Amino acid sequence: MSRTAKPQNGRRRFLRDVVRTAGGLA
């Protein structure tokens, strides 16, 4: 369970960071 929660959290954070950068650039 923790194994799936670990990547999920990191992936979600990365996605949010990418969206934030794209929004700032746009």
PDB file of N, CA and C in Angstrom:
ATOM      1  N   MET A   1       0.849  -1.205   0.000  1.00  0.00           N
ATOM      2  CA  MET A   1       0.000   0.000   0.000  1.00  0.00           C
ATOM      3  C   MET A   1       0.881   1.250   0.000  1.00  0.00           C
ATOM      4  N   SER A   2       1.832   1.266   0.909  1.00  0.00           N
ATOM      5  CA  SER A   2       2.720   2.450   0.988  1.00  0.00           C
ATOM      6  C   SER A   2       3.521   2.574  -0.316  1.00  0.00           C
ATOM      7  N   ARG A   3       3.781   1.440  -0.933  1.00  0.00           N
ATOM      8  CA  ARG A   3       4.557   1.468  -2.180  1.00  0.00           C
ATOM      9  C   ARG A   3       3.765   2.225  -3.266  1.00  0.00           C
ATOM     10  N   THR A   4       2.488   1.994  -3.318  1.00  0.00           N
ATOM     11  CA  THR A   4       1.655   2.665  -4.338  1.00  0.00           C
ATOM     12  C   THR A   4       1.418   4.125  -3.952  1.00  0.00           C
ATOM     13  N   ALA A   5       1.316   4.375  -2.664  1.00  0.00           N
ATOM     14  CA  ALA A   5       1.045   5.750  -2.200  1.00  0.00           C
ATOM     15  C   ALA A   5       2.283   6.615  -2.441  1.00  0.00           C
ATOM     16  N   LYS A   6       3.446   6.017  -2.336  1.00  0.00           N
ATOM     17  CA  LYS A   6       4.682   6.804  -2.533  1.00  0.00           C
ATOM     18  C   LYS A   6       4.759   7.361  -3.962  1.00  0.00           C
ATOM     19  N   PRO A   7       4.703   6.524  -4.976  1.00  0.00           N
ATOM     20  CA  PRO A   7       4.777   7.008  -6.363  1.00  0.00           C
ATOM     21  C   PRO A   7       3.597   7.901  -6.723  1.00  0.00           C
ATOM     22  N   GLN A   8       2.437   7.585  -6.174  1.00  0.00           N
ATOM     23  CA  GLN A   8       1.247   8.382  -6.492  1.00  0.00           C
ATOM     24  C   GLN A   8       1.451   9.821  -6.019  1.00  0.00           C
ATOM     25  N   ASN A   9       1.968   9.968  -4.802  1.00  0.00           N
ATOM     26  CA  ASN A   9       2.173  11.315  -4.256  1.00  0.00           C
ATOM     27  C   ASN A   9       3.203  12.068  -5.085  1.00  0.00           C
ATOM     28  N   GLY A  10       4.312  11.409  -5.392  1.00  0.00           N
ATOM     29  CA  GLY A  10       5.362  12.067  -6.175  1.00  0.00           C
ATOM     30  C   GLY A  10       4.854  12.425  -7.569  1.00  0.00           C
ATOM     31  N   ARG A  11       4.105  11.514  -8.152  1.00  0.00           N
ATOM     32  CA  ARG A  11       3.602  11.766  -9.515  1.00  0.00           C
ATOM     33  C   ARG A  11       2.624  12.944  -9.472  1.00  0.00           C
ATOM     34  N   ARG A  12       1.793  12.965  -8.481  1.00  0.00           N
ATOM     35  CA  ARG A  12       0.794  14.040  -8.392  1.00  0.00           C
ATOM     36  C   ARG A  12       1.514  15.379  -8.204  1.00  0.00           C
ATOM     37  N   ARG A  13       2.537  15.393  -7.396  1.00  0.00           N
ATOM     38  CA  ARG A  13       3.273  16.641  -7.139  1.00  0.00           C
ATOM     39  C   ARG A  13       3.957  17.097  -8.435  1.00  0.00           C
ATOM     40  N   PHE A  14       4.527  16.151  -9.153  1.00  0.00           N
ATOM     41  CA  PHE A  14       5.211  16.487 -10.411  1.00  0.00           C
ATOM     42  C   PHE A  14       4.217  17.058 -11.420  1.00  0.00           C
ATOM     43  N   LEU A  15       3.060  16.425 -11.494  1.00  0.00           N
ATOM     44  CA  LEU A  15       2.035  16.895 -12.447  1.00  0.00           C
ATOM     45  C   LEU A  15       1.613  18.313 -12.092  1.00  0.00           C
ATOM     46  N   ARG A  16       1.434  18.554 -10.806  1.00  0.00           N
ATOM     47  CA  ARG A  16       0.996  19.888 -10.367  1.00  0.00           C
ATOM     48  C   ARG A  16       2.081  20.917 -10.711  1.00  0.00           C
ATOM     49  N   ASP A  17       3.326  20.536 -10.517  1.00  0.00           N
ATOM     50  CA  ASP A  17       4.437  21.454 -10.819  1.00  0.00           C
ATOM     51  C   ASP A  17       4.453  21.777 -12.318  1.00  0.00           C
ATOM     52  N   VAL A  18       4.250  20.768 -13.122  1.00  0.00           N
ATOM     53  CA  VAL A  18       4.258  20.978 -14.588  1.00  0.00           C
ATOM     54  C   VAL A  18       3.107  21.897 -14.991  1.00  0.00           C
ATOM     55  N   VAL A  19       1.952  21.661 -14.415  1.00  0.00           N
ATOM     56  CA  VAL A  19       0.777  22.491 -14.751  1.00  0.00           C
ATOM     57  C   VAL A  19       1.026  23.928 -14.308  1.00  0.00           C
ATOM     58  N   ARG A  20       1.641  24.082 -13.163  1.00  0.00           N
ATOM     59  CA  ARG A  20       1.907  25.439 -12.644  1.00  0.00           C
ATOM     60  C   ARG A  20       2.879  26.156 -13.592  1.00  0.00           C
ATOM     61  N   THR A  21       3.887  25.464 -14.036  1.00  0.00           N
ATOM     62  CA  THR A  21       4.860  26.077 -14.951  1.00  0.00           C
ATOM     63  C   THR A  21       4.190  26.424 -16.281  1.00  0.00           C
ATOM     64  N   ALA A  22       3.377  25.517 -16.779  1.00  0.00           N
ATOM     65  CA  ALA A  22       2.694  25.765 -18.064  1.00  0.00           C
ATOM     66  C   ALA A  22       1.758  26.965 -17.911  1.00  0.00           C
ATOM     67  N   GLY A  23       1.037  27.032 -16.808  1.00  0.00           N
ATOM     68  CA  GLY A  23       0.109  28.156 -16.586  1.00  0.00           C
ATOM     69  C   GLY A  23       0.875  29.472 -16.493  1.00  0.00           C
ATOM     70  N   GLY A  24       2.009  29.465 -15.811  1.00  0.00           N
ATOM     71  CA  GLY A  24       2.793  30.700 -15.676  1.00  0.00           C
ATOM     72  C   GLY A  24       3.330  31.132 -17.035  1.00  0.00           C
ATOM     73  N   LEU A  25       3.759  30.166 -17.845  1.00  0.00           N
ATOM     74  CA  LEU A  25       4.291  30.501 -19.173  1.00  0.00           C
ATOM     75  C   LEU A  25       3.168  30.989 -20.084  1.00  0.00           C
ATOM     76  N   ALA A  26       2.015  30.313 -19.988  1.00  0.00           N
ATOM     77  CA  ALA A  26       0.884  30.689 -20.848  1.00  0.00           C
ATOM     78  C   ALA A  26       0.402  32.064 -20.403  1.00  0.00           C
TER      79      ALA A  26
END
